[in-house]
Amino acid sequence: MACIRLKENCEFNGENIYRHVNTHLPNYARPRFIRIKSDVELTGTFKYRKVQLVEEGFNPAVIKDRLYFLDDKENLYVQMTQDIYNSVRKHDFRL
């Protein structure tokens, strides 16, 4: 999973991001999930706060941020839904 903050006045485009990731990253390095945060939280020593993100995982019922899933069949990142989450949990999607 990648957790990012978009620049001001920018929108997430799942098709463009997919093309960029597919072109520049090997298959094993492509994030299967992208989480969009309004602000990135830092520790007192200016490191990214990751523990809470790891604990929350990728369950859309828990996460209030926008979350996208890499759909290789559609060749784009799609909005994460509870159905996709359940399919991943049941191993219908291979990660």
PDB file of N, CA and C in Angstrom:
ATOM      1  N   MET A   1       0.843  -1.180   0.000  1.00  0.00           N
ATOM      2  CA  MET A   1       0.000   0.000   0.000  1.00  0.00           C
ATOM      3  C   MET A   1       0.885   1.239   0.000  1.00  0.00           C
ATOM      4  N   ALA A   2       0.422   2.225  -0.733  1.00  0.00           N
ATOM      5  CA  ALA A   2       1.069   3.532  -0.719  1.00  0.00           C
ATOM      6  C   ALA A   2       0.078   4.516  -0.113  1.00  0.00           C
ATOM      7  N   CYS A   3       0.560   5.367   0.753  1.00  0.00           N
ATOM      8  CA  CYS A   3      -0.262   6.415   1.357  1.00  0.00           C
ATOM      9  C   CYS A   3       0.293   7.743   0.858  1.00  0.00           C
ATOM     10  N   ILE A   4      -0.554   8.509   0.182  1.00  0.00           N
ATOM     11  CA  ILE A   4      -0.075   9.749  -0.422  1.00  0.00           C
ATOM     12  C   ILE A   4      -0.987  10.918  -0.072  1.00  0.00           C
ATOM     13  N   ARG A   5      -0.444  12.089  -0.265  1.00  0.00           N
ATOM     14  CA  ARG A   5      -1.195  13.338  -0.134  1.00  0.00           C
ATOM     15  C   ARG A   5      -1.116  14.017  -1.482  1.00  0.00           C
ATOM     16  N   LEU A   6      -2.263  14.359  -2.045  1.00  0.00           N
ATOM     17  CA  LEU A   6      -2.286  15.010  -3.352  1.00  0.00           C
ATOM     18  C   LEU A   6      -1.949  16.483  -3.221  1.00  0.00           C
ATOM     19  N   LYS A   7      -1.337  17.029  -4.270  1.00  0.00           N
ATOM     20  CA  LYS A   7      -1.100  18.465  -4.309  1.00  0.00           C
ATOM     21  C   LYS A   7      -2.436  19.184  -4.329  1.00  0.00           C
ATOM     22  N   GLU A   8      -2.420  20.413  -3.889  1.00  0.00           N
ATOM     23  CA  GLU A   8      -3.628  21.220  -3.866  1.00  0.00           C
ATOM     24  C   GLU A   8      -4.194  21.335  -5.284  1.00  0.00           C
ATOM     25  N   ASN A   9      -5.500  21.228  -5.398  1.00  0.00           N
ATOM     26  CA  ASN A   9      -6.243  21.321  -6.664  1.00  0.00           C
ATOM     27  C   ASN A   9      -5.934  20.185  -7.635  1.00  0.00           C
ATOM     28  N   CYS A  10      -5.414  19.067  -7.156  1.00  0.00           N
ATOM     29  CA  CYS A  10      -5.173  17.896  -7.995  1.00  0.00           C
ATOM     30  C   CYS A  10      -6.198  16.814  -7.660  1.00  0.00           C
ATOM     31  N   GLU A  11      -6.571  16.067  -8.664  1.00  0.00           N
ATOM     32  CA  GLU A  11      -7.509  14.967  -8.486  1.00  0.00           C
ATOM     33  C   GLU A  11      -6.797  13.646  -8.782  1.00  0.00           C
ATOM     34  N   PHE A  12      -7.240  12.598  -8.121  1.00  0.00           N
ATOM     35  CA  PHE A  12      -6.695  11.262  -8.358  1.00  0.00           C
ATOM     36  C   PHE A  12      -7.333  10.706  -9.623  1.00  0.00           C
ATOM     37  N   ASN A  13      -6.489  10.252 -10.559  1.00  0.00           N
ATOM     38  CA  ASN A  13      -6.971   9.643 -11.794  1.00  0.00           C
ATOM     39  C   ASN A  13      -6.425   8.223 -11.841  1.00  0.00           C
ATOM     40  N   GLY A  14      -7.299   7.249 -11.595  1.00  0.00           N
ATOM     41  CA  GLY A  14      -6.886   5.855 -11.504  1.00  0.00           C
ATOM     42  C   GLY A  14      -6.264   5.305 -12.768  1.00  0.00           C
ATOM     43  N   GLU A  15      -6.702   5.788 -13.925  1.00  0.00           N
ATOM     44  CA  GLU A  15      -6.159   5.313 -15.187  1.00  0.00           C
ATOM     45  C   GLU A  15      -4.743   5.851 -15.416  1.00  0.00           C
ATOM     46  N   ASN A  16      -4.549   7.148 -15.174  1.00  0.00           N
ATOM     47  CA  ASN A  16      -3.216   7.744 -15.346  1.00  0.00           C
ATOM     48  C   ASN A  16      -2.206   7.183 -14.356  1.00  0.00           C
ATOM     49  N   ILE A  17      -2.633   7.021 -13.114  1.00  0.00           N
ATOM     50  CA  ILE A  17      -1.736   6.468 -12.088  1.00  0.00           C
ATOM     51  C   ILE A  17      -1.347   5.039 -12.446  1.00  0.00           C
ATOM     52  N   TYR A  18      -2.322   4.265 -12.917  1.00  0.00           N
ATOM     53  CA  TYR A  18      -2.020   2.891 -13.327  1.00  0.00           C
ATOM     54  C   TYR A  18      -0.959   2.878 -14.430  1.00  0.00           C
ATOM     55  N   ARG A  19      -1.137   3.705 -15.450  1.00  0.00           N
ATOM     56  CA  ARG A  19      -0.172   3.758 -16.559  1.00  0.00           C
ATOM     57  C   ARG A  19       1.222   4.140 -16.051  1.00  0.00           C
ATOM     58  N   HIS A  20       1.284   5.129 -15.153  1.00  0.00           N
ATOM     59  CA  HIS A  20       2.570   5.575 -14.609  1.00  0.00           C
ATOM     60  C   HIS A  20       3.239   4.456 -13.815  1.00  0.00           C
ATOM     61  N   VAL A  21       2.493   3.841 -12.926  1.00  0.00           N
ATOM     62  CA  VAL A  21       3.029   2.771 -12.079  1.00  0.00           C
ATOM     63  C   VAL A  21       3.447   1.584 -12.947  1.00  0.00           C
ATOM     64  N   ASN A  22       2.639   1.241 -13.928  1.00  0.00           N
ATOM     65  CA  ASN A  22       2.920   0.109 -14.798  1.00  0.00           C
ATOM     66  C   ASN A  22       4.176   0.349 -15.643  1.00  0.00           C
ATOM     67  N   THR A  23       4.396   1.587 -16.040  1.00  0.00           N
ATOM     68  CA  THR A  23       5.549   1.937 -16.866  1.00  0.00           C
ATOM     69  C   THR A  23       6.841   1.999 -16.062  1.00  0.00           C
ATOM     70  N   HIS A  24       6.770   2.532 -14.846  1.00  0.00           N
ATOM     71  CA  HIS A  24       7.993   2.846 -14.099  1.00  0.00           C
ATOM     72  C   HIS A  24       8.349   1.874 -12.975  1.00  0.00           C
ATOM     73  N   LEU A  25       7.461   0.978 -12.611  1.00  0.00           N
ATOM     74  CA  LEU A  25       7.753   0.066 -11.502  1.00  0.00           C
ATOM     75  C   LEU A  25       7.620  -1.383 -11.939  1.00  0.00           C
ATOM     76  N   PRO A  26       8.510  -2.251 -11.455  1.00  0.00           N
ATOM     77  CA  PRO A  26       8.327  -3.678 -11.734  1.00  0.00           C
ATOM     78  C   PRO A  26       7.080  -4.189 -11.006  1.00  0.00           C
ATOM     79  N   ASN A  27       6.554  -5.290 -11.467  1.00  0.00           N
ATOM     80  CA  ASN A  27       5.296  -5.819 -10.937  1.00  0.00           C
ATOM     81  C   ASN A  27       5.308  -5.959  -9.413  1.00  0.00           C
ATOM     82  N   TYR A  28       6.406  -6.461  -8.851  1.00  0.00           N
ATOM     83  CA  TYR A  28       6.465  -6.685  -7.403  1.00  0.00           C
ATOM     84  C   TYR A  28       6.453  -5.387  -6.597  1.00  0.00           C
ATOM     85  N   ALA A  29       6.778  -4.249  -7.211  1.00  0.00           N
ATOM     86  CA  ALA A  29       6.865  -2.977  -6.489  1.00  0.00           C
ATOM     87  C   ALA A  29       5.625  -2.105  -6.656  1.00  0.00           C
ATOM     88  N   ARG A  30       4.673  -2.525  -7.464  1.00  0.00           N
ATOM     89  CA  ARG A  30       3.471  -1.721  -7.698  1.00  0.00           C
ATOM     90  C   ARG A  30       2.548  -1.795  -6.490  1.00  0.00           C
ATOM     91  N   PRO A  31       2.137  -0.649  -5.959  1.00  0.00           N
ATOM     92  CA  PRO A  31       1.224  -0.702  -4.804  1.00  0.00           C
ATOM     93  C   PRO A  31      -0.137  -1.255  -5.214  1.00  0.00           C
ATOM     94  N   ARG A  32      -0.613  -2.227  -4.487  1.00  0.00           N
ATOM     95  CA  ARG A  32      -1.937  -2.811  -4.755  1.00  0.00           C
ATOM     96  C   ARG A  32      -3.043  -1.908  -4.229  1.00  0.00           C
ATOM     97  N   PHE A  33      -2.707  -1.099  -3.237  1.00  0.00           N
ATOM     98  CA  PHE A  33      -3.666  -0.162  -2.657  1.00  0.00           C
ATOM     99  C   PHE A  33      -3.024   1.212  -2.583  1.00  0.00           C
ATOM    100  N   ILE A  34      -3.810   2.242  -2.857  1.00  0.00           N
ATOM    101  CA  ILE A  34      -3.354   3.619  -2.678  1.00  0.00           C
ATOM    102  C   ILE A  34      -4.362   4.313  -1.776  1.00  0.00           C
ATOM    103  N   ARG A  35      -3.859   4.876  -0.704  1.00  0.00           N
ATOM    104  CA  ARG A  35      -4.688   5.599   0.266  1.00  0.00           C
ATOM    105  C   ARG A  35      -4.393   7.085   0.151  1.00  0.00           C
ATOM    106  N   ILE A  36      -5.442   7.886   0.008  1.00  0.00           N
ATOM    107  CA  ILE A  36      -5.289   9.331  -0.142  1.00  0.00           C
ATOM    108  C   ILE A  36      -5.588   9.989   1.205  1.00  0.00           C
ATOM    109  N   LYS A  37      -4.592  10.683   1.747  1.00  0.00           N
ATOM    110  CA  LYS A  37      -4.766  11.388   3.019  1.00  0.00           C
ATOM    111  C   LYS A  37      -4.771  12.888   2.755  1.00  0.00           C
ATOM    112  N   SER A  38      -5.524  13.607   3.576  1.00  0.00           N
ATOM    113  CA  SER A  38      -5.544  15.064   3.441  1.00  0.00           C
ATOM    114  C   SER A  38      -4.272  15.681   4.034  1.00  0.00           C
ATOM    115  N   ASP A  39      -3.712  15.015   5.040  1.00  0.00           N
ATOM    116  CA  ASP A  39      -2.433  15.449   5.598  1.00  0.00           C
ATOM    117  C   ASP A  39      -1.684  14.227   6.102  1.00  0.00           C
ATOM    118  N   VAL A  40      -0.373  14.275   6.021  1.00  0.00           N
ATOM    119  CA  VAL A  40       0.465  13.165   6.445  1.00  0.00           C
ATOM    120  C   VAL A  40       0.959  13.467   7.845  1.00  0.00           C
ATOM    121  N   GLU A  41       0.721  12.524   8.751  1.00  0.00           N
ATOM    122  CA  GLU A  41       1.093  12.726  10.149  1.00  0.00           C
ATOM    123  C   GLU A  41       2.557  12.359  10.362  1.00  0.00           C
ATOM    124  N   LEU A  42       3.247  13.178  11.158  1.00  0.00           N
ATOM    125  CA  LEU A  42       4.660  12.968  11.445  1.00  0.00           C
ATOM    126  C   LEU A  42       4.868  12.730  12.931  1.00  0.00           C
ATOM    127  N   THR A  43       5.950  12.039  13.254  1.00  0.00           N
ATOM    128  CA  THR A  43       6.332  11.844  14.648  1.00  0.00           C
ATOM    129  C   THR A  43       7.073  13.087  15.121  1.00  0.00           C
ATOM    130  N   GLY A  44       7.483  13.095  16.367  1.00  0.00           N
ATOM    131  CA  GLY A  44       8.237  14.219  16.920  1.00  0.00           C
ATOM    132  C   GLY A  44       9.591  14.416  16.261  1.00  0.00           C
ATOM    133  N   THR A  45      10.105  13.349  15.619  1.00  0.00           N
ATOM    134  CA  THR A  45      11.392  13.452  14.929  1.00  0.00           C
ATOM    135  C   THR A  45      11.202  13.516  13.408  1.00  0.00           C
ATOM    136  N   PHE A  46      10.028  13.939  12.980  1.00  0.00           N
ATOM    137  CA  PHE A  46       9.706  14.184  11.572  1.00  0.00           C
ATOM    138  C   PHE A  46       9.777  12.941  10.683  1.00  0.00           C
ATOM    139  N   LYS A  47       9.425  11.800  11.250  1.00  0.00           N
ATOM    140  CA  LYS A  47       9.291  10.571  10.462  1.00  0.00           C
ATOM    141  C   LYS A  47       7.808  10.337  10.231  1.00  0.00           C
ATOM    142  N   TYR A  48       7.488   9.638   9.162  1.00  0.00           N
ATOM    143  CA  TYR A  48       6.079   9.358   8.885  1.00  0.00           C
ATOM    144  C   TYR A  48       5.516   8.400   9.928  1.00  0.00           C
ATOM    145  N   ARG A  49       4.307   8.702  10.403  1.00  0.00           N
ATOM    146  CA  ARG A  49       3.634   7.862  11.383  1.00  0.00           C
ATOM    147  C   ARG A  49       2.926   6.736  10.629  1.00  0.00           C
ATOM    148  N   LYS A  50       3.491   5.510  10.727  1.00  0.00           N
ATOM    149  CA  LYS A  50       2.995   4.388   9.938  1.00  0.00           C
ATOM    150  C   LYS A  50       2.248   3.335  10.755  1.00  0.00           C
ATOM    151  N   VAL A  51       2.462   3.272  12.046  1.00  0.00           N
ATOM    152  CA  VAL A  51       1.901   2.200  12.864  1.00  0.00           C
ATOM    153  C   VAL A  51       0.374   2.166  12.752  1.00  0.00           C
ATOM    154  N   GLN A  52      -0.268   3.309  12.867  1.00  0.00           N
ATOM    155  CA  GLN A  52      -1.725   3.356  12.784  1.00  0.00           C
ATOM    156  C   GLN A  52      -2.209   2.935  11.399  1.00  0.00           C
ATOM    157  N   LEU A  53      -1.496   3.343  10.359  1.00  0.00           N
ATOM    158  CA  LEU A  53      -1.866   2.958   8.995  1.00  0.00           C
ATOM    159  C   LEU A  53      -1.806   1.443   8.818  1.00  0.00           C
ATOM    160  N   VAL A  54      -0.766   0.835   9.354  1.00  0.00           N
ATOM    161  CA  VAL A  54      -0.610  -0.618   9.260  1.00  0.00           C
ATOM    162  C   VAL A  54      -1.731  -1.314  10.018  1.00  0.00           C
ATOM    163  N   GLU A  55      -2.059  -0.816  11.208  1.00  0.00           N
ATOM    164  CA  GLU A  55      -3.118  -1.427  12.013  1.00  0.00           C
ATOM    165  C   GLU A  55      -4.476  -1.339  11.323  1.00  0.00           C
ATOM    166  N   GLU A  56      -4.742  -0.234  10.633  1.00  0.00           N
ATOM    167  CA  GLU A  56      -6.029  -0.064   9.951  1.00  0.00           C
ATOM    168  C   GLU A  56      -6.146  -0.938   8.709  1.00  0.00           C
ATOM    169  N   GLY A  57      -5.030  -1.272   8.094  1.00  0.00           N
ATOM    170  CA  GLY A  57      -5.049  -2.146   6.926  1.00  0.00           C
ATOM    171  C   GLY A  57      -5.743  -1.502   5.739  1.00  0.00           C
ATOM    172  N   PHE A  58      -6.592  -2.287   5.048  1.00  0.00           N
ATOM    173  CA  PHE A  58      -7.255  -1.783   3.850  1.00  0.00           C
ATOM    174  C   PHE A  58      -8.768  -2.018   3.888  1.00  0.00           C
ATOM    175  N   ASN A  59      -9.323  -2.128   5.077  1.00  0.00           N
ATOM    176  CA  ASN A  59     -10.760  -2.339   5.229  1.00  0.00           C
ATOM    177  C   ASN A  59     -11.497  -1.014   5.041  1.00  0.00           C
ATOM    178  N   PRO A  60     -12.327  -0.892   4.004  1.00  0.00           N
ATOM    179  CA  PRO A  60     -13.024   0.382   3.771  1.00  0.00           C
ATOM    180  C   PRO A  60     -14.038   0.726   4.860  1.00  0.00           C
ATOM    181  N   ALA A  61     -14.438  -0.258   5.674  1.00  0.00           N
ATOM    182  CA  ALA A  61     -15.347   0.021   6.778  1.00  0.00           C
ATOM    183  C   ALA A  61     -14.622   0.728   7.916  1.00  0.00           C
ATOM    184  N   VAL A  62     -13.311   0.567   7.987  1.00  0.00           N
ATOM    185  CA  VAL A  62     -12.500   1.166   9.050  1.00  0.00           C
ATOM    186  C   VAL A  62     -11.887   2.483   8.597  1.00  0.00           C
ATOM    187  N   ILE A  63     -11.428   2.525   7.353  1.00  0.00           N
ATOM    188  CA  ILE A  63     -10.704   3.680   6.833  1.00  0.00           C
ATOM    189  C   ILE A  63     -11.676   4.729   6.315  1.00  0.00           C
ATOM    190  N   LYS A  64     -11.482   5.942   6.737  1.00  0.00           N
ATOM    191  CA  LYS A  64     -12.338   7.051   6.293  1.00  0.00           C
ATOM    192  C   LYS A  64     -11.738   7.805   5.113  1.00  0.00           C
ATOM    193  N   ASP A  65     -10.452   7.562   4.817  1.00  0.00           N
ATOM    194  CA  ASP A  65      -9.792   8.197   3.680  1.00  0.00           C
ATOM    195  C   ASP A  65     -10.219   7.496   2.389  1.00  0.00           C
ATOM    196  N   ARG A  66      -9.975   8.168   1.262  1.00  0.00           N
ATOM    197  CA  ARG A  66     -10.221   7.517  -0.026  1.00  0.00           C
ATOM    198  C   ARG A  66      -9.180   6.414  -0.209  1.00  0.00           C
ATOM    199  N   LEU A  67      -9.629   5.278  -0.696  1.00  0.00           N
ATOM    200  CA  LEU A  67      -8.767   4.119  -0.858  1.00  0.00           C
ATOM    201  C   LEU A  67      -9.036   3.508  -2.228  1.00  0.00           C
ATOM    202  N   TYR A  68      -7.961   3.179  -2.952  1.00  0.00           N
ATOM    203  CA  TYR A  68      -8.078   2.641  -4.300  1.00  0.00           C
ATOM    204  C   TYR A  68      -7.359   1.301  -4.383  1.00  0.00           C
ATOM    205  N   PHE A  69      -7.875   0.428  -5.252  1.00  0.00           N
ATOM    206  CA  PHE A  69      -7.360  -0.922  -5.446  1.00  0.00           C
ATOM    207  C   PHE A  69      -6.862  -1.070  -6.875  1.00  0.00           C
ATOM    208  N   LEU A  70      -5.702  -1.693  -7.047  1.00  0.00           N
ATOM    209  CA  LEU A  70      -5.130  -1.936  -8.369  1.00  0.00           C
ATOM    210  C   LEU A  70      -5.877  -3.078  -9.041  1.00  0.00           C
ATOM    211  N   ASP A  71      -6.657  -2.751 -10.048  1.00  0.00           N
ATOM    212  CA  ASP A  71      -7.428  -3.749 -10.794  1.00  0.00           C
ATOM    213  C   ASP A  71      -6.696  -4.029 -12.103  1.00  0.00           C
ATOM    214  N   ASP A  72      -5.967  -5.135 -12.136  1.00  0.00           N
ATOM    215  CA  ASP A  72      -5.184  -5.481 -13.318  1.00  0.00           C
ATOM    216  C   ASP A  72      -6.059  -5.847 -14.513  1.00  0.00           C
ATOM    217  N   LYS A  73      -7.261  -6.326 -14.265  1.00  0.00           N
ATOM    218  CA  LYS A  73      -8.161  -6.671 -15.374  1.00  0.00           C
ATOM    219  C   LYS A  73      -8.658  -5.421 -16.087  1.00  0.00           C
ATOM    220  N   GLU A  74      -8.927  -4.367 -15.335  1.00  0.00           N
ATOM    221  CA  GLU A  74      -9.428  -3.113 -15.904  1.00  0.00           C
ATOM    222  C   GLU A  74      -8.315  -2.135 -16.262  1.00  0.00           C
ATOM    223  N   ASN A  75      -7.085  -2.444 -15.824  1.00  0.00           N
ATOM    224  CA  ASN A  75      -5.924  -1.572 -16.049  1.00  0.00           C
ATOM    225  C   ASN A  75      -6.105  -0.182 -15.467  1.00  0.00           C
ATOM    226  N   LEU A  76      -6.546  -0.130 -14.219  1.00  0.00           N
ATOM    227  CA  LEU A  76      -6.672   1.137 -13.508  1.00  0.00           C
ATOM    228  C   LEU A  76      -6.845   0.880 -12.021  1.00  0.00           C
ATOM    229  N   TYR A  77      -6.708   1.958 -11.269  1.00  0.00           N
ATOM    230  CA  TYR A  77      -7.001   1.897  -9.832  1.00  0.00           C
ATOM    231  C   TYR A  77      -8.473   2.256  -9.656  1.00  0.00           C
ATOM    232  N   VAL A  78      -9.212   1.403  -8.956  1.00  0.00           N
ATOM    233  CA  VAL A  78     -10.635   1.621  -8.729  1.00  0.00           C
ATOM    234  C   VAL A  78     -10.872   1.909  -7.251  1.00  0.00           C
ATOM    235  N   GLN A  79     -11.950   2.628  -6.970  1.00  0.00           N
ATOM    236  CA  GLN A  79     -12.322   2.934  -5.588  1.00  0.00           C
ATOM    237  C   GLN A  79     -12.563   1.618  -4.843  1.00  0.00           C
ATOM    238  N   MET A  80     -11.957   1.488  -3.678  1.00  0.00           N
ATOM    239  CA  MET A  80     -12.106   0.284  -2.868  1.00  0.00           C
ATOM    240  C   MET A  80     -13.516   0.208  -2.315  1.00  0.00           C
ATOM    241  N   THR A  81     -14.129  -0.952  -2.442  1.00  0.00           N
ATOM    242  CA  THR A  81     -15.479  -1.177  -1.907  1.00  0.00           C
ATOM    243  C   THR A  81     -15.433  -2.354  -0.941  1.00  0.00           C
ATOM    244  N   GLN A  82     -16.513  -2.515  -0.222  1.00  0.00           N
ATOM    245  CA  GLN A  82     -16.602  -3.642   0.702  1.00  0.00           C
ATOM    246  C   GLN A  82     -16.593  -4.970  -0.066  1.00  0.00           C
ATOM    247  N   ASP A  83     -17.190  -4.989  -1.257  1.00  0.00           N
ATOM    248  CA  ASP A  83     -17.185  -6.210  -2.077  1.00  0.00           C
ATOM    249  C   ASP A  83     -15.771  -6.592  -2.497  1.00  0.00           C
ATOM    250  N   ILE A  84     -14.975  -5.606  -2.918  1.00  0.00           N
ATOM    251  CA  ILE A  84     -13.584  -5.885  -3.281  1.00  0.00           C
ATOM    252  C   ILE A  84     -12.815  -6.362  -2.062  1.00  0.00           C
ATOM    253  N   TYR A  85     -13.032  -5.696  -0.936  1.00  0.00           N
ATOM    254  CA  TYR A  85     -12.360  -6.105   0.305  1.00  0.00           C
ATOM    255  C   TYR A  85     -12.687  -7.563   0.638  1.00  0.00           C
ATOM    256  N   ASN A  86     -13.962  -7.921   0.557  1.00  0.00           N
ATOM    257  CA  ASN A  86     -14.372  -9.296   0.860  1.00  0.00           C
ATOM    258  C   ASN A  86     -13.755 -10.285  -0.121  1.00  0.00           C
ATOM    259  N   SER A  87     -13.657  -9.912  -1.397  1.00  0.00           N
ATOM    260  CA  SER A  87     -13.036 -10.781  -2.402  1.00  0.00           C
ATOM    261  C   SER A  87     -11.555 -10.986  -2.114  1.00  0.00           C
ATOM    262  N   VAL A  88     -10.881  -9.942  -1.702  1.00  0.00           N
ATOM    263  CA  VAL A  88      -9.459 -10.062  -1.350  1.00  0.00           C
ATOM    264  C   VAL A  88      -9.310 -10.975  -0.137  1.00  0.00           C
ATOM    265  N   ARG A  89     -10.153 -10.781   0.852  1.00  0.00           N
ATOM    266  CA  ARG A  89     -10.091 -11.610   2.064  1.00  0.00           C
ATOM    267  C   ARG A  89     -10.361 -13.095   1.762  1.00  0.00           C
ATOM    268  N   LYS A  90     -11.226 -13.354   0.782  1.00  0.00           N
ATOM    269  CA  LYS A  90     -11.548 -14.738   0.402  1.00  0.00           C
ATOM    270  C   LYS A  90     -10.574 -15.287  -0.634  1.00  0.00           C
ATOM    271  N   HIS A  91      -9.560 -14.502  -0.977  1.00  0.00           N
ATOM    272  CA  HIS A  91      -8.521 -14.883  -1.944  1.00  0.00           C
ATOM    273  C   HIS A  91      -9.051 -15.026  -3.358  1.00  0.00           C
ATOM    274  N   ASP A  92     -10.151 -14.328  -3.689  1.00  0.00           N
ATOM    275  CA  ASP A  92     -10.631 -14.307  -5.067  1.00  0.00           C
ATOM    276  C   ASP A  92      -9.712 -13.464  -5.932  1.00  0.00           C
ATOM    277  N   PHE A  93      -9.088 -12.433  -5.324  1.00  0.00           N
ATOM    278  CA  PHE A  93      -8.076 -11.625  -5.995  1.00  0.00           C
ATOM    279  C   PHE A  93      -6.729 -12.081  -5.474  1.00  0.00           C
ATOM    280  N   ARG A  94      -5.820 -12.344  -6.368  1.00  0.00           N
ATOM    281  CA  ARG A  94      -4.470 -12.728  -5.942  1.00  0.00           C
ATOM    282  C   ARG A  94      -3.618 -11.459  -5.840  1.00  0.00           C
ATOM    283  N   LEU A  95      -3.034 -11.242  -4.686  1.00  0.00           N
ATOM    284  CA  LEU A  95      -2.206 -10.044  -4.478  1.00  0.00           C
ATOM    285  C   LEU A  95      -0.740 -10.370  -4.636  1.00  0.00           C
TER     286      LEU A  95
END
